[in-house]
Protein backbone atom coordinates (compact mmCIF):
# COMPACT_ATOMS: atom_id res chain seq x y z
CA MET A 1 107.31 65.18 49.53
CA SER A 2 104.59 63.62 47.42
CA GLY A 3 106.61 61.39 45.05
CA LEU A 4 106.61 57.61 45.50
CA VAL A 5 110.42 57.73 45.35
CA ASP A 6 112.38 60.55 46.98
CA TRP A 7 114.67 61.87 44.24
CA THR A 8 116.97 63.47 46.80
CA GLN A 9 118.11 59.98 47.80
CA ALA A 10 119.43 59.30 44.29
CA LEU A 11 123.14 58.56 44.21
CA SER A 12 123.47 59.18 40.46
CA PRO A 13 121.52 61.02 37.74
CA GLU A 14 120.23 57.73 36.36
CA GLN A 15 118.43 57.04 39.64
CA VAL A 16 116.41 60.28 39.62
CA PRO A 17 112.73 59.37 39.03
CA ILE A 18 110.69 61.57 36.69
CA ASP A 19 107.07 62.15 37.74
CA ARG A 20 105.41 64.89 35.67
CA ALA A 21 101.92 64.00 36.88
CA GLY A 22 102.98 64.20 40.51
CA ALA A 23 104.61 67.54 39.83
CA GLY A 24 101.50 68.88 38.11
CA LEU A 25 103.36 69.95 34.97
CA ASN A 26 102.01 69.61 31.46
CA THR A 27 103.87 67.17 29.21
CA GLN A 28 103.30 69.11 26.01
CA SER A 29 104.54 72.33 27.60
CA LEU A 30 107.67 70.60 28.90
CA ASP A 31 108.25 69.16 25.42
CA ARG A 32 108.00 72.72 24.09
CA LEU A 33 110.54 73.93 26.64
CA ARG A 34 112.95 71.23 25.50
CA TRP A 35 112.29 72.05 21.84
CA VAL A 36 112.91 75.77 22.36
CA LEU A 37 116.25 75.17 24.09
CA GLN A 38 117.26 72.58 21.49
CA SER A 39 116.40 75.08 18.76
CA GLU A 40 118.77 77.57 20.37
CA VAL A 41 121.49 74.91 20.25
CA GLU A 42 120.79 74.23 16.58
CA ARG A 43 120.99 77.97 15.84
CA GLN A 44 124.45 77.81 17.43
CA ARG A 45 123.49 80.50 19.91
CA LEU A 46 123.48 78.21 22.96
CA PRO A 47 126.35 75.72 23.38
CA GLY A 48 124.38 73.36 25.61
CA ALA A 49 122.37 73.21 28.81
CA VAL A 50 121.01 71.08 31.63
CA ALA A 51 117.50 71.84 32.89
CA PHE A 52 116.04 70.64 36.20
CA ILE A 53 112.47 71.35 37.33
CA ALA A 54 110.86 70.00 40.51
CA ARG A 55 107.50 70.61 42.11
CA ARG A 56 105.69 69.02 45.07
CA GLY A 57 108.78 66.90 45.74
CA CYS A 58 108.67 65.36 42.26
CA VAL A 59 111.10 65.91 39.40
CA ALA A 60 109.29 66.91 36.22
CA LEU A 61 112.33 67.49 34.01
CA TYR A 62 116.01 66.63 34.28
CA GLU A 63 117.62 66.61 30.86
CA SER A 64 120.63 67.82 28.93
CA MET A 65 120.94 69.12 25.40
CA GLY A 66 123.64 70.44 23.14
CA PHE A 67 127.34 70.28 23.85
CA CYS A 68 129.49 70.29 26.96
CA ASP A 69 132.47 71.42 24.87
CA PRO A 70 131.11 73.09 21.73
CA ALA A 71 134.56 73.36 20.13
CA ALA A 72 135.04 69.58 20.37
CA ARG A 73 131.32 68.82 19.73
CA GLN A 74 131.27 66.80 22.95
CA PRO A 75 127.65 66.04 23.98
CA MET A 76 126.36 67.56 27.22
CA PRO A 77 125.89 64.96 29.99
CA VAL A 78 123.24 65.57 32.64
CA ASP A 79 125.98 65.47 35.27
CA ALA A 80 128.07 68.17 33.59
CA LEU A 81 129.99 70.52 35.85
CA PHE A 82 129.27 74.24 35.56
CA ARG A 83 130.98 77.35 36.87
CA ILE A 84 128.06 78.73 38.85
CA TYR A 85 129.69 82.06 39.73
CA SER A 86 127.19 84.08 41.83
CA MET A 87 125.02 81.06 42.57
CA THR A 88 127.80 80.53 45.13
CA LYS A 89 126.38 83.49 47.07
CA PRO A 90 123.22 81.79 48.41
CA ILE A 91 125.28 78.84 49.72
CA VAL A 92 127.73 81.13 51.50
CA SER A 93 124.83 83.19 52.85
CA VAL A 94 123.38 80.01 54.36
CA ALA A 95 126.79 79.31 55.94
CA VAL A 96 126.74 82.76 57.55
CA MET A 97 123.22 82.24 58.90
CA MET A 98 124.24 78.87 60.34
CA LEU A 99 126.96 80.70 62.27
CA VAL A 100 124.36 83.24 63.40
CA GLU A 101 122.19 80.40 64.68
CA GLN A 102 125.21 79.02 66.55
CA GLY A 103 125.71 82.36 68.32
CA ARG A 104 129.05 83.08 66.65
CA LEU A 105 127.76 86.12 64.74
CA LEU A 106 125.02 88.72 65.00
CA LEU A 107 123.58 90.40 61.94
CA SER A 108 123.96 93.69 63.79
CA ASP A 109 127.68 93.09 64.37
CA PRO A 110 129.92 95.68 62.73
CA VAL A 111 132.01 93.87 60.12
CA SER A 112 135.09 95.42 61.74
CA ARG A 113 134.40 93.49 64.96
CA HIS A 114 135.48 90.33 63.14
CA LEU A 115 137.57 91.80 60.31
CA PRO A 116 139.53 94.80 61.66
CA GLU A 117 140.58 95.85 58.14
CA TYR A 118 137.08 97.35 57.78
CA LEU A 119 137.55 99.73 60.70
CA GLY A 120 137.80 103.38 59.68
CA GLN A 121 136.65 102.97 56.09
CA GLN A 122 136.34 105.95 53.76
CA VAL A 123 133.50 106.72 51.33
CA ALA A 124 134.05 108.50 48.02
CA ARG A 125 132.03 111.58 47.13
CA LEU A 126 132.16 114.63 44.90
CA THR A 127 132.60 118.06 46.50
CA GLU A 128 132.14 120.95 44.06
CA GLY A 129 132.89 118.53 41.27
CA ARG A 130 136.10 117.26 42.88
CA PRO A 131 136.43 113.66 44.11
CA GLU A 132 137.37 113.18 47.74
CA THR A 133 137.03 110.58 50.47
CA VAL A 134 135.59 111.10 53.94
CA PRO A 135 135.19 108.77 56.93
CA VAL A 136 132.00 106.71 56.94
CA ARG A 137 129.35 107.81 59.40
CA GLN A 138 128.73 104.24 60.52
CA GLY A 139 130.50 101.05 59.54
CA ALA A 140 128.83 98.23 57.64
CA THR A 141 127.19 95.37 59.51
CA VAL A 142 126.99 91.65 58.72
CA GLN A 143 123.42 92.28 57.52
CA ASP A 144 124.75 94.94 55.14
CA LEU A 145 127.11 92.39 53.60
CA LEU A 146 124.31 89.84 53.17
CA ARG A 147 121.93 92.29 51.52
CA HIS A 148 124.59 94.22 49.50
CA THR A 149 124.19 97.52 51.34
CA ALA A 150 127.77 97.67 52.68
CA GLY A 151 128.89 100.40 50.25
CA LEU A 152 131.00 97.97 48.24
CA THR A 153 130.73 97.39 44.48
CA TYR A 154 132.08 95.31 41.61
CA GLU A 155 134.83 96.73 39.44
CA PHE A 156 132.85 96.00 36.25
CA LEU A 157 129.72 97.89 37.32
CA GLY A 158 131.00 101.37 36.51
CA ASN A 159 133.91 103.66 35.75
CA SER A 160 134.08 105.86 38.84
CA ALA A 161 137.25 106.42 40.82
CA VAL A 162 136.20 103.60 43.16
CA HIS A 163 135.66 101.17 40.29
CA ARG A 164 139.03 102.11 38.86
CA ALA A 165 140.64 101.57 42.25
CA TYR A 166 139.15 98.06 42.37
CA ALA A 167 140.51 97.33 38.91
CA GLN A 168 143.96 98.74 39.68
CA ALA A 169 144.13 96.61 42.84
CA ARG A 170 143.18 93.54 40.76
CA ILE A 171 140.64 92.89 43.47
CA GLY A 172 139.46 89.62 41.94
CA ALA A 173 142.96 88.13 41.64
CA ARG A 174 142.68 84.41 42.35
CA GLU A 175 146.26 84.09 43.61
CA ARG A 176 145.38 86.00 46.81
CA SER A 177 144.03 84.16 49.83
CA ASN A 178 140.66 85.15 51.24
CA ASP A 179 142.51 86.89 54.06
CA ALA A 180 144.73 88.88 51.67
CA PHE A 181 141.75 89.76 49.46
CA SER A 182 139.81 91.10 52.44
CA LYS A 183 142.69 93.28 53.59
CA VAL A 184 143.12 94.81 50.11
CA LEU A 185 139.38 95.47 49.76
CA GLY A 186 139.09 96.94 53.24
CA ALA A 187 141.58 99.65 52.34
CA LEU A 188 139.64 100.79 49.24
CA PRO A 189 136.99 103.55 49.38
CA LEU A 190 133.26 102.80 49.35
CA VAL A 191 130.82 104.00 46.72
CA ALA A 192 128.10 104.77 49.28
CA GLU A 193 127.53 105.08 53.01
CA PRO A 194 126.81 101.63 54.48
CA GLY A 195 123.10 100.94 54.89
CA THR A 196 121.97 103.67 52.49
CA ALA A 197 121.93 102.01 49.05
CA TRP A 198 121.77 98.61 47.36
CA GLU A 199 124.82 98.03 45.17
CA TYR A 200 125.62 94.54 43.94
CA SER A 201 129.13 93.88 45.12
CA ARG A 202 131.98 91.77 46.38
CA ALA A 203 130.26 91.70 49.78
CA THR A 204 129.76 87.93 49.66
CA ASP A 205 133.48 87.46 49.09
CA VAL A 206 133.92 89.33 52.37
CA LEU A 207 131.36 86.99 53.93
CA GLY A 208 133.54 84.09 52.80
CA ARG A 209 136.40 85.49 54.86
CA LEU A 210 134.00 86.15 57.73
CA VAL A 211 133.02 82.47 57.72
CA GLU A 212 136.70 81.56 57.99
CA VAL A 213 137.30 83.85 60.97
CA ALA A 214 134.09 82.86 62.80
CA SER A 215 134.51 79.12 62.21
CA GLY A 216 138.28 78.69 62.33
CA GLN A 217 138.15 76.74 59.05
CA SER A 218 138.86 77.63 55.44
CA LEU A 219 135.73 78.55 53.50
CA GLY A 220 135.96 75.45 51.33
CA ARG A 221 136.32 73.14 54.30
CA TYR A 222 133.48 74.79 56.20
CA LEU A 223 131.11 74.58 53.23
CA THR A 224 132.05 70.97 52.55
CA GLU A 225 131.68 69.75 56.13
CA HIS A 226 128.61 71.73 57.18
CA ILE A 227 126.54 72.18 53.99
CA LEU A 228 127.72 70.30 50.90
CA LEU A 229 128.27 66.81 52.30
CA PRO A 230 125.22 66.91 54.63
CA LEU A 231 123.06 67.81 51.60
CA GLY A 232 124.69 65.19 49.38
CA MET A 233 126.30 67.84 47.14
CA ARG A 234 129.41 65.75 46.57
CA GLU A 235 130.41 67.37 43.28
CA THR A 236 130.27 71.00 44.36
CA ALA A 237 133.67 72.54 45.08
CA PHE A 238 136.06 75.36 44.21
CA GLN A 239 138.10 73.07 41.92
CA VAL A 240 137.37 70.30 39.42
CA PRO A 241 139.64 67.26 39.97
CA GLY A 242 141.74 66.07 37.06
CA GLY A 243 139.71 62.96 36.35
CA GLN A 244 136.55 65.02 35.86
CA HIS A 245 137.79 67.74 33.50
CA HIS A 246 135.90 66.13 30.60
CA ARG A 247 132.61 66.96 32.36
CA LEU A 248 133.33 70.68 32.67
CA ALA A 249 130.95 72.69 30.49
CA GLU A 250 132.53 75.34 28.30
CA PRO A 251 131.19 78.40 26.48
CA PHE A 252 131.65 79.06 22.78
CA PRO A 253 135.20 80.20 21.93
CA ARG A 254 133.62 83.32 20.38
CA ASP A 255 130.41 85.09 21.30
CA PRO A 256 127.71 84.03 18.82
CA ASP A 257 126.21 87.54 18.87
CA GLY A 258 129.53 89.16 18.01
CA GLY A 259 130.23 90.68 21.41
CA LEU A 260 133.37 90.46 23.51
CA GLN A 261 133.36 86.95 24.97
CA MET A 262 133.91 86.85 28.72
CA LYS A 263 136.85 84.72 29.82
CA VAL A 264 135.60 82.18 32.35
CA ILE A 265 137.64 81.27 35.42
CA ASP A 266 140.00 78.30 35.28
CA VAL A 267 138.70 75.82 37.82
CA ARG A 268 140.99 72.98 36.72
CA GLU A 269 143.69 74.23 39.09
CA ALA A 270 143.34 75.19 42.74
CA ALA A 271 143.27 78.94 43.42
CA ALA A 272 144.33 80.64 46.63
CA LEU A 273 141.09 82.64 46.58
CA GLU A 274 138.01 80.61 47.52
CA SER A 275 135.52 83.18 46.29
CA GLY A 276 132.39 83.23 48.40
CA GLY A 277 130.81 85.45 45.80
CA GLY A 278 131.50 83.40 42.71
CA GLY A 279 133.97 80.53 42.89
CA LEU A 280 132.04 77.28 43.08
CA VAL A 281 131.51 74.63 40.43
CA SER A 282 128.42 72.44 40.67
CA THR A 283 126.00 70.16 38.83
CA ALA A 284 122.29 70.60 38.27
CA LEU A 285 121.53 67.68 40.60
CA ASP A 286 123.77 69.00 43.36
CA TYR A 287 122.26 72.47 43.21
CA ALA A 288 118.77 70.97 43.09
CA ARG A 289 119.46 69.38 46.48
CA PHE A 290 120.37 72.80 47.85
CA LEU A 291 117.18 74.36 46.48
CA GLN A 292 115.00 71.52 47.81
CA PHE A 293 116.64 72.15 51.20
CA MET A 294 115.66 75.82 50.91
CA LEU A 295 112.14 74.97 49.73
CA ASN A 296 111.86 72.58 52.71
CA ARG A 297 112.78 75.57 54.93
CA GLY A 298 116.12 74.29 56.15
CA THR A 299 115.96 70.52 56.07
CA LEU A 300 116.70 67.66 53.65
CA ASN A 301 116.50 63.91 54.16
CA GLY A 302 115.74 64.34 57.84
CA ARG A 303 118.74 66.60 58.51
CA ARG A 304 118.05 70.14 59.61
CA LEU A 305 120.87 72.55 58.89
CA LEU A 306 118.98 75.81 59.32
CA GLY A 307 115.89 76.81 61.28
CA SER A 308 112.68 77.19 59.28
CA ARG A 309 112.14 80.76 60.48
CA THR A 310 115.71 81.62 59.54
CA VAL A 311 115.00 80.50 55.97
CA ASP A 312 111.83 82.60 55.96
CA PHE A 313 113.86 85.54 57.25
CA MET A 314 116.55 85.12 54.58
CA THR A 315 114.00 85.01 51.78
CA SER A 316 112.14 88.13 52.91
CA ASP A 317 112.92 91.60 51.59
CA HIS A 318 115.57 93.38 53.66
CA LEU A 319 115.74 96.59 51.63
CA GLY A 320 112.43 98.27 52.33
CA GLU A 321 112.83 101.83 51.04
CA ILE A 322 116.61 101.60 50.57
CA PRO A 323 117.26 102.72 46.97
CA VAL A 324 119.38 101.02 44.34
CA TRP A 325 122.69 102.86 43.88
CA SER A 326 123.63 102.43 40.21
CA ALA A 327 121.94 101.77 36.89
CA ALA A 328 124.09 98.66 36.53
CA SER A 329 122.73 97.26 39.79
CA GLN A 330 119.18 98.31 38.90
CA ALA A 331 119.40 96.05 35.85
CA LEU A 332 120.01 93.09 38.19
CA LEU A 333 116.99 93.73 40.41
CA PRO A 334 113.72 93.55 38.45
CA ALA A 335 110.75 95.81 39.15
CA GLY A 336 108.66 94.59 42.07
CA HIS A 337 111.63 92.90 43.74
CA GLY A 338 113.70 93.55 46.82
CA PHE A 339 116.68 91.69 48.18
CA GLY A 340 116.92 89.34 51.13
CA LEU A 341 119.99 87.72 52.66
CA GLY A 342 121.54 86.22 49.54
CA PHE A 343 118.56 86.22 47.18
CA ALA A 344 116.45 88.61 45.12
CA VAL A 345 112.89 88.41 46.52
CA ARG A 346 109.62 89.10 44.72
CA LYS A 347 107.33 91.63 46.46
CA ALA A 348 104.62 92.10 43.79
CA ARG A 349 102.85 89.68 41.49
CA GLY A 350 103.07 92.14 38.61
CA LEU A 351 105.59 94.84 37.63
CA ALA A 352 108.44 92.48 36.65
CA ASN A 353 108.59 91.22 33.08
CA VAL A 354 108.50 87.54 34.08
CA PRO A 355 105.84 85.59 36.02
CA GLY A 356 106.17 84.48 39.62
CA SER A 357 104.45 84.44 42.99
CA ILE A 358 104.95 86.95 45.77
CA GLY A 359 107.66 85.47 48.00
CA SER A 360 109.52 83.69 45.22
CA TYR A 361 113.28 84.21 45.14
CA PHE A 362 116.07 83.74 42.66
CA TRP A 363 119.61 84.46 41.57
CA GLY A 364 122.05 83.50 38.82
CA GLY A 365 125.68 83.36 37.80
CA MET A 366 127.66 85.46 35.36
CA ALA A 367 128.38 82.57 33.01
CA GLY A 368 124.67 81.89 32.57
CA THR A 369 123.45 79.54 35.30
CA THR A 370 120.18 80.52 36.97
CA PHE A 371 117.56 79.30 39.44
CA PHE A 372 114.31 80.38 41.01
CA VAL A 373 112.28 79.04 43.94
CA ASP A 374 108.53 79.62 44.26
CA PRO A 375 107.32 78.44 47.70
CA ALA A 376 103.69 79.28 46.88
CA GLU A 377 103.84 76.78 44.02
CA ASP A 378 106.14 74.33 45.86
CA LEU A 379 108.39 74.73 42.82
CA PHE A 380 111.99 75.33 41.88
CA ALA A 381 113.81 75.27 38.57
CA ILE A 382 117.45 75.39 37.48
CA LEU A 383 118.99 76.10 34.10
CA MET A 384 122.70 75.37 33.83
CA LEU A 385 124.58 76.76 30.85
CA GLN A 386 127.76 78.64 30.00
CA ALA A 387 126.71 81.50 27.72
CA PRO A 388 127.83 84.69 29.50
CA ASN A 389 126.60 87.30 27.03
CA GLN A 390 123.21 85.66 26.53
CA ARG A 391 122.50 84.94 30.20
CA GLU A 392 119.68 87.45 30.71
CA TYR A 393 117.81 86.27 27.61
CA TYR A 394 117.89 82.62 28.67
CA ARG A 395 116.89 83.41 32.26
CA MET A 396 113.76 85.20 31.09
CA LEU A 397 112.99 82.58 28.44
CA PHE A 398 113.37 79.71 30.89
CA ARG A 399 111.19 81.34 33.55
CA ASN A 400 108.38 81.93 31.05
CA LEU A 401 108.53 78.36 29.76
CA VAL A 402 108.50 76.81 33.23
CA TYR A 403 105.46 78.75 34.43
CA ALA A 404 103.66 77.96 31.16
CA ALA A 405 103.98 74.27 32.03
CA LEU A 406 102.09 74.44 35.35
CA ASP A 407 98.99 72.37 34.77
CA ASP A 408 96.60 73.33 37.59
């Protein structure tokens, strides 16, 4: 890292040094980024946000704006807690790859070797216009779960018989344990043959259960002991303790654009389900430590948790010519991108409607949080907010504003 002070050693937000010159980011452009986001707050379209941008080991921007609780007009602190939803997936994917490096799993392992409820799965199909289920030709592997080619889906991505079965089973019910969730899901039909199509799905929730079986620990305990505490992510967990509820960021009570406002999960109380696909709460500073660890190719503050080549492998495209299954999933994977093991990965400089280098990777959460990492630029950026219906707009806006600030 090039900064005079290593920001990853900071014990509190106040100790994080800002070095725009060291990061090679333009001050006027960063001021514009702040102004644009603040304008969205003043238009009452964005409740509040925390932005974090780092490059070359230096923090160029770490600021909050707007309101943590817009109904109460409570200002947003930089250490606000956010429901990060699917930004949980990269962390759980790292946990899986740590177990691979320890020899406890192989990516080629059939999922059913570790979770027998996935043995003998059925796939849905139409025969002469009639729905039916048939046995899968080959069961999903651990790699299929990591890259979302296991034939699973999300109940909100369509209205087929499979999607309806997910909904009827209340597959996302938080009162089920990870074990009980996995057994219910394993009995439901697939939307596609494993390995044949990319469909964004509850696969990472299955990986959460896989971590439990392979490690002998609950998912929360494994993440805490082997990833979160070693990286200094002390405020990332599946539940917000009572004394910290005032720091929990909230969305508007009603969607500012007039749509149906998504109900966010209640993280004030412990849930039986520790969702590997979307259950964590975190801060911008905590997640920044995770992304710096990824940008450093598996190490932070002298502690190596993952091999450098494993990080390279995870952030490479694993789809090749495998097609995207549904229009809903296609909307999540921009043109010129593939998918690695937990991340969308850029394969072409052009094609997508936002800038970025080949090899950059990203993902986001349903409530609005987002990040991207650009190894070619030694850059990562995080935008934390809780605006579910506006999430795609702010992801694109933020990406454009960050790249506009690069000053070399």
